[in-house]
Amino acid sequence: MSEQAAPPLVADQQLGWVGRLPPRLRDYALLARWDRPIGTWLLLLPCWWGLALAAAEGGGSLPRVLAYGALFAVGAVAMRGAGCTLNDLFDRDLDRQVERTRNRPLAAGRLTVAQALLFVALQAAVGLLVLLALPPLARLVALASVPLVLLYPLAKRVTWWPQAVLGVTFNWGALVGYVALRGTLTVEALLLYAAGAFWTLGYDTVYAHQDREDDRRIGVRSTALRLGAASRRWIAGFYLLMLVLLAAAGLLAGMGVAYLAALVLPAALLGWHVAAVDLDDRTSCLRHFRFHRNVGLAVLAALILGALAA
């Protein structure tokens, strides 16, 4: 491939502004998924949920909440990029066999393992700076997620439920955000975290339906394959559990009718999504997966309203 040519665009890439970068920088940006901010949003929003829940219980002043919110935004970009790079390191041989992922920089051979490892270290260093800016207990809670981050890329090889592993990993920020403000873990924080885990289990099952045939052919596992034709009912159940847990978390935190009323919006968005997504159409699955930024923002808005009304 010419050094000046952009990599061929496949379903797994949305170059946008990343396509205007020099070729080598572009490959690092693709490795970190900077061309696809939806993953960063889905990692960041639970952190902000945790901050909002803690604020409802008097966990901190507005400037403190905003400062931590900005820190988590930086950390989400860095750690999502590091996690995607690690995932591609583990999966580079599998990615070559999947249409959606065959042109990723490691799978296509445009970056080496050594270059990817160095890039992981650089992104982790940014994450470490964010970690050091948090209170001591929040640092410990954040560090407790490291084994999950390392285990997730292996999950699809040993369980039909890698999306559940992603759920418990990707929503850890809800606990970190809450502890950063409150200085302790409570039942309501754990309920909020569990709500996020079921949310991820639902939307990542939709995402996994893009790769059903490739996954079946190469022998990796997913909830899309495990649940098969029953996926839509299961996904609806995951979202129902999410909403019940969100309601319970808010009520325990002292939020009242205003919060419960505000949850109607994310509930309506989820209901439309379950009814409208075509699980046999890759384009529909990808479009509905990206839609979950709106769901997460609607939950955040409900939490903020509940905090203001508490």
Protein backbone atom coordinates (compact mmCIF):
# COMPACT_ATOMS: atom_id res chain seq x y z
CA MET A 1 0.00 0.00 0.00
CA SER A 2 1.34 3.45 -0.85
CA GLU A 3 2.53 5.45 2.14
CA GLN A 4 0.25 8.30 1.03
CA ALA A 5 -2.86 6.24 0.32
CA ALA A 6 -5.65 6.00 2.84
CA PRO A 7 -6.55 2.46 3.90
CA PRO A 8 -9.56 1.13 2.03
CA LEU A 9 -12.77 2.00 3.82
CA VAL A 10 -14.60 -1.02 5.18
CA ALA A 11 -17.59 -1.31 7.50
CA ASP A 12 -15.37 -1.05 10.56
CA GLN A 13 -14.02 2.41 9.71
CA GLN A 14 -15.54 5.89 9.49
CA LEU A 15 -12.52 7.98 8.64
CA GLY A 16 -13.98 11.51 8.76
CA TRP A 17 -11.37 13.91 10.14
CA VAL A 18 -9.10 10.94 10.89
CA GLY A 19 -8.77 10.38 7.13
CA ARG A 20 -6.99 13.73 6.83
CA LEU A 21 -4.18 12.73 9.20
CA PRO A 22 -0.77 11.59 7.89
CA PRO A 23 -0.87 7.82 7.17
CA ARG A 24 1.03 6.64 10.26
CA LEU A 25 -0.87 8.90 12.64
CA ARG A 26 -4.08 7.84 10.93
CA ASP A 27 -3.38 4.19 11.74
CA TYR A 28 -2.80 4.98 15.41
CA ALA A 29 -6.04 6.98 15.45
CA LEU A 30 -7.88 4.02 13.91
CA LEU A 31 -6.31 1.69 16.45
CA ALA A 32 -7.68 3.88 19.26
CA ARG A 33 -11.05 4.22 17.43
CA TRP A 34 -10.82 8.02 17.37
CA ASP A 35 -12.83 7.83 14.17
CA ARG A 36 -15.73 6.34 16.16
CA PRO A 37 -16.47 8.40 19.27
CA ILE A 38 -19.54 6.34 20.21
CA GLY A 39 -17.41 3.93 22.26
CA THR A 40 -15.93 6.82 24.23
CA TRP A 41 -19.42 8.16 24.91
CA LEU A 42 -20.60 4.75 26.13
CA LEU A 43 -17.59 4.51 28.47
CA LEU A 44 -17.90 8.10 29.71
CA LEU A 45 -21.64 8.34 30.33
CA PRO A 46 -21.71 5.87 33.27
CA CYS A 47 -18.95 7.98 34.91
CA TRP A 48 -21.19 11.02 34.64
CA TRP A 49 -24.15 8.98 35.91
CA GLY A 50 -22.13 8.17 39.03
CA LEU A 51 -21.26 11.84 39.55
CA ALA A 52 -24.91 12.88 39.16
CA LEU A 53 -26.12 10.25 41.62
CA ALA A 54 -23.50 11.29 44.17
CA ALA A 55 -24.37 14.96 43.67
CA ALA A 56 -28.01 14.16 44.44
CA GLU A 57 -26.86 12.93 47.84
CA GLY A 58 -24.82 16.06 48.54
CA GLY A 59 -21.56 14.59 47.33
CA GLY A 60 -19.90 17.78 46.14
CA SER A 61 -20.16 21.36 44.91
CA LEU A 62 -20.94 22.16 41.26
CA PRO A 63 -17.33 23.19 40.44
CA ARG A 64 -16.08 19.89 41.88
CA VAL A 65 -18.64 17.91 39.89
CA LEU A 66 -17.68 19.73 36.68
CA ALA A 67 -13.95 19.27 37.32
CA TYR A 68 -14.35 15.53 37.80
CA GLY A 69 -16.62 15.40 34.75
CA ALA A 70 -13.85 16.92 32.62
CA LEU A 71 -11.25 14.56 34.08
CA PHE A 72 -13.40 11.55 33.27
CA ALA A 73 -13.81 12.80 29.70
CA VAL A 74 -10.04 12.84 29.23
CA GLY A 75 -9.72 9.46 30.93
CA ALA A 76 -12.47 7.93 28.78
CA VAL A 77 -10.70 8.90 25.56
CA ALA A 78 -7.37 7.54 26.81
CA MET A 79 -8.61 4.31 28.38
CA ARG A 80 -11.07 3.46 25.63
CA GLY A 81 -8.21 3.86 23.16
CA ALA A 82 -5.90 1.71 25.28
CA GLY A 83 -8.59 -0.96 25.65
CA CYS A 84 -9.29 -1.04 21.91
CA THR A 85 -5.58 -1.33 21.20
CA LEU A 86 -5.25 -4.25 23.61
CA ASN A 87 -8.31 -5.88 22.09
CA ASP A 88 -6.82 -5.59 18.61
CA LEU A 89 -3.54 -7.07 19.85
CA PHE A 90 -5.35 -10.14 21.16
CA ASP A 91 -7.65 -10.41 18.14
CA ARG A 92 -5.41 -9.50 15.22
CA ASP A 93 -5.46 -13.03 13.76
CA LEU A 94 -9.23 -13.31 14.17
CA ASP A 95 -9.80 -9.82 12.78
CA ARG A 96 -8.16 -10.82 9.48
CA GLN A 97 -10.96 -13.35 8.99
CA VAL A 98 -13.87 -10.96 9.62
CA GLU A 99 -15.11 -8.62 6.90
CA ARG A 100 -15.90 -5.81 9.34
CA THR A 101 -12.46 -5.85 10.97
CA ARG A 102 -10.02 -7.16 8.35
CA ASN A 103 -8.57 -3.72 7.61
CA ARG A 104 -7.77 -2.72 11.19
CA PRO A 105 -4.13 -1.52 11.39
CA LEU A 106 -2.78 -4.58 13.24
CA ALA A 107 -4.82 -7.10 11.27
CA ALA A 108 -3.71 -5.52 7.99
CA GLY A 109 -0.06 -5.36 9.11
CA ARG A 110 0.30 -1.60 8.88
CA LEU A 111 1.38 -1.40 12.55
CA THR A 112 3.52 -3.87 14.48
CA VAL A 113 2.91 -5.44 17.88
CA ALA A 114 5.75 -3.37 19.37
CA GLN A 115 4.26 -0.14 18.05
CA ALA A 116 0.84 -1.08 19.45
CA LEU A 117 2.29 -1.90 22.87
CA LEU A 118 4.06 1.45 23.00
CA PHE A 119 0.80 3.15 22.07
CA VAL A 120 -0.98 1.31 24.90
CA ALA A 121 1.69 2.56 27.31
CA LEU A 122 1.29 6.17 26.16
CA GLN A 123 -2.50 6.07 26.51
CA ALA A 124 -2.22 4.35 29.88
CA ALA A 125 0.13 7.14 31.02
CA VAL A 126 -2.61 9.68 30.27
CA GLY A 127 -5.05 7.51 32.20
CA LEU A 128 -2.60 7.39 35.11
CA LEU A 129 -2.46 11.19 35.26
CA VAL A 130 -6.24 11.28 35.49
CA LEU A 131 -6.14 8.57 38.16
CA LEU A 132 -3.69 10.57 40.27
CA ALA A 133 -6.07 13.54 40.23
CA LEU A 134 -8.79 11.46 41.93
CA PRO A 135 -9.21 10.90 45.69
CA PRO A 136 -7.37 7.82 47.08
CA LEU A 137 -10.43 5.55 47.41
CA ALA A 138 -11.58 6.41 43.88
CA ARG A 139 -8.11 5.45 42.63
CA LEU A 140 -8.37 2.06 44.31
CA VAL A 141 -11.83 1.46 42.84
CA ALA A 142 -10.55 2.41 39.38
CA LEU A 143 -7.53 0.11 39.68
CA ALA A 144 -9.82 -2.78 40.64
CA SER A 145 -11.16 -2.74 37.06
CA VAL A 146 -7.77 -3.59 35.51
CA PRO A 147 -8.23 -7.41 35.65
CA LEU A 148 -11.57 -7.03 33.85
CA VAL A 149 -9.98 -4.86 31.16
CA LEU A 150 -7.30 -7.50 30.58
CA LEU A 151 -9.73 -10.44 30.63
CA TYR A 152 -12.38 -9.00 28.32
CA PRO A 153 -10.51 -9.65 25.03
CA LEU A 154 -10.34 -13.36 25.94
CA ALA A 155 -14.01 -13.71 26.90
CA LYS A 156 -15.31 -14.51 23.41
CA ARG A 157 -13.05 -17.56 23.35
CA VAL A 158 -14.41 -19.13 26.54
CA THR A 159 -18.00 -17.95 27.08
CA TRP A 160 -21.16 -17.30 25.10
CA TRP A 161 -21.58 -14.14 27.19
CA PRO A 162 -18.64 -11.83 26.35
CA GLN A 163 -21.15 -8.98 26.18
CA ALA A 164 -21.85 -9.50 29.89
CA VAL A 165 -18.11 -9.28 30.59
CA LEU A 166 -18.03 -6.04 28.62
CA GLY A 167 -20.99 -4.77 30.66
CA VAL A 168 -19.30 -5.25 34.02
CA THR A 169 -16.10 -3.72 32.61
CA PHE A 170 -17.42 -0.78 30.62
CA ASN A 171 -19.65 0.60 33.38
CA TRP A 172 -17.05 0.56 36.15
CA GLY A 173 -16.79 4.32 35.82
CA ALA A 174 -20.19 4.65 37.50
CA LEU A 175 -18.58 3.39 40.71
CA VAL A 176 -15.46 5.52 40.28
CA GLY A 177 -17.48 8.67 39.64
CA TYR A 178 -19.70 8.05 42.63
CA VAL A 179 -16.82 7.31 45.00
CA ALA A 180 -14.86 10.34 43.78
CA LEU A 181 -17.61 12.59 45.16
CA ARG A 182 -19.07 10.58 48.04
CA GLY A 183 -15.92 8.89 49.34
CA THR A 184 -17.77 5.61 49.86
CA LEU A 185 -19.68 2.90 48.02
CA THR A 186 -23.39 2.48 48.69
CA VAL A 187 -26.17 0.18 47.57
CA GLU A 188 -27.54 2.83 45.21
CA ALA A 189 -24.16 3.14 43.50
CA LEU A 190 -24.06 -0.63 42.99
CA LEU A 191 -27.60 -0.58 41.58
CA LEU A 192 -26.61 2.18 39.15
CA TYR A 193 -23.59 0.13 38.09
CA ALA A 194 -25.74 -2.96 37.56
CA ALA A 195 -28.17 -0.90 35.47
CA GLY A 196 -25.30 0.13 33.22
CA ALA A 197 -24.10 -3.45 32.92
CA PHE A 198 -27.52 -4.61 31.67
CA TRP A 199 -27.63 -1.63 29.29
CA THR A 200 -24.32 -2.68 27.75
CA LEU A 201 -25.41 -6.30 27.59
CA GLY A 202 -28.37 -5.18 25.50
CA TYR A 203 -26.70 -2.78 23.08
CA ASP A 204 -23.60 -4.92 22.61
CA THR A 205 -25.78 -7.92 21.76
CA VAL A 206 -27.25 -5.76 18.99
CA TYR A 207 -23.70 -4.86 17.90
CA ALA A 208 -22.65 -8.53 17.92
CA HIS A 209 -25.40 -9.40 15.44
CA GLN A 210 -23.26 -7.72 12.77
CA ASP A 211 -20.70 -10.52 13.02
CA ARG A 212 -22.88 -13.59 13.60
CA GLU A 213 -21.86 -15.49 10.49
CA ASP A 214 -18.17 -14.60 10.71
CA ASP A 215 -18.11 -15.50 14.42
CA ARG A 216 -19.80 -18.83 13.75
CA ARG A 217 -17.33 -19.60 10.97
CA ILE A 218 -14.17 -18.82 12.94
CA GLY A 219 -15.43 -20.32 16.22
CA VAL A 220 -15.78 -17.37 18.58
CA ARG A 221 -18.80 -16.86 20.83
CA SER A 222 -21.29 -14.09 21.48
CA THR A 223 -24.73 -13.50 22.93
CA ALA A 224 -25.96 -12.93 19.37
CA LEU A 225 -25.12 -16.56 18.59
CA ARG A 226 -26.23 -17.89 21.97
CA LEU A 227 -29.63 -16.18 21.96
CA GLY A 228 -30.26 -16.45 18.24
CA ALA A 229 -33.88 -15.88 17.21
CA ALA A 230 -34.82 -15.04 20.82
CA SER A 231 -32.38 -12.09 20.93
CA ARG A 232 -35.01 -9.36 20.66
CA ARG A 233 -36.93 -10.67 23.70
CA TRP A 234 -33.74 -11.01 25.73
CA ILE A 235 -32.56 -7.53 24.74
CA ALA A 236 -35.92 -6.10 25.83
CA GLY A 237 -35.53 -7.93 29.14
CA PHE A 238 -32.03 -6.52 29.67
CA TYR A 239 -33.35 -2.99 29.14
CA LEU A 240 -36.29 -3.58 31.46
CA LEU A 241 -33.87 -4.66 34.20
CA MET A 242 -31.78 -1.58 33.48
CA LEU A 243 -34.79 0.71 33.99
CA VAL A 244 -35.89 -1.05 37.18
CA LEU A 245 -32.38 -0.76 38.62
CA LEU A 246 -32.14 2.91 37.61
CA ALA A 247 -35.44 3.61 39.37
CA ALA A 248 -34.30 1.78 42.51
CA ALA A 249 -30.96 3.59 42.58
CA GLY A 250 -32.61 6.98 42.29
CA LEU A 251 -35.23 6.27 44.94
CA LEU A 252 -32.57 5.10 47.40
CA ALA A 253 -30.64 8.29 46.67
CA GLY A 254 -33.66 10.38 47.68
CA MET A 255 -34.89 11.23 44.19
CA GLY A 256 -38.63 11.39 43.79
CA VAL A 257 -41.40 11.67 41.23
CA ALA A 258 -39.51 14.09 38.97
CA TYR A 259 -36.75 11.51 38.48
CA LEU A 260 -39.15 8.65 37.81
CA ALA A 261 -41.05 10.82 35.32
CA ALA A 262 -37.81 11.71 33.56
CA LEU A 263 -36.98 8.00 33.12
CA VAL A 264 -39.93 7.82 30.74
CA LEU A 265 -37.74 9.34 28.00
CA PRO A 266 -34.97 6.71 28.06
CA ALA A 267 -37.66 4.04 28.43
CA ALA A 268 -39.40 5.33 25.29
CA LEU A 269 -36.11 5.49 23.38
CA LEU A 270 -35.29 1.92 24.36
CA GLY A 271 -38.76 0.71 23.43
CA TRP A 272 -38.49 2.27 19.98
CA HIS A 273 -35.00 0.80 19.52
CA VAL A 274 -36.09 -2.75 20.41
CA ALA A 275 -39.06 -2.55 18.04
CA ALA A 276 -37.20 -0.92 15.14
CA VAL A 277 -33.80 -2.61 14.98
CA ASP A 278 -33.38 -5.23 12.26
CA LEU A 279 -31.04 -7.81 13.77
CA ASP A 280 -30.48 -9.39 10.35
CA ASP A 281 -29.23 -6.12 8.83
CA ARG A 282 -25.68 -5.04 9.70
CA THR A 283 -26.38 -1.41 8.84
CA SER A 284 -29.42 -1.34 11.12
CA CYS A 285 -27.48 -2.96 13.97
CA LEU A 286 -24.66 -0.43 13.70
CA ARG A 287 -27.03 2.53 13.45
CA HIS A 288 -29.00 1.38 16.52
CA PHE A 289 -25.81 0.72 18.46
CA ARG A 290 -24.73 4.33 17.89
CA PHE A 291 -28.20 5.46 18.97
CA HIS A 292 -27.35 4.52 22.55
CA ARG A 293 -25.47 7.74 23.11
CA ASN A 294 -28.91 9.37 23.10
CA VAL A 295 -30.18 6.80 25.58
CA GLY A 296 -27.24 7.41 27.90
CA LEU A 297 -27.68 11.18 27.69
CA ALA A 298 -31.39 10.79 28.48
CA VAL A 299 -30.50 8.79 31.61
CA LEU A 300 -27.98 11.47 32.58
CA ALA A 301 -30.63 14.16 32.14
CA ALA A 302 -33.00 12.19 34.39
CA LEU A 303 -30.32 11.88 37.07
CA ILE A 304 -29.51 15.58 36.89
CA LEU A 305 -33.20 16.48 37.16
CA GLY A 306 -33.55 14.09 40.07
CA ALA A 307 -30.52 15.65 41.77
CA LEU A 308 -31.90 19.16 41.34
CA ALA A 309 -35.30 18.14 42.68
CA ALA A 310 -33.97 16.04 45.57
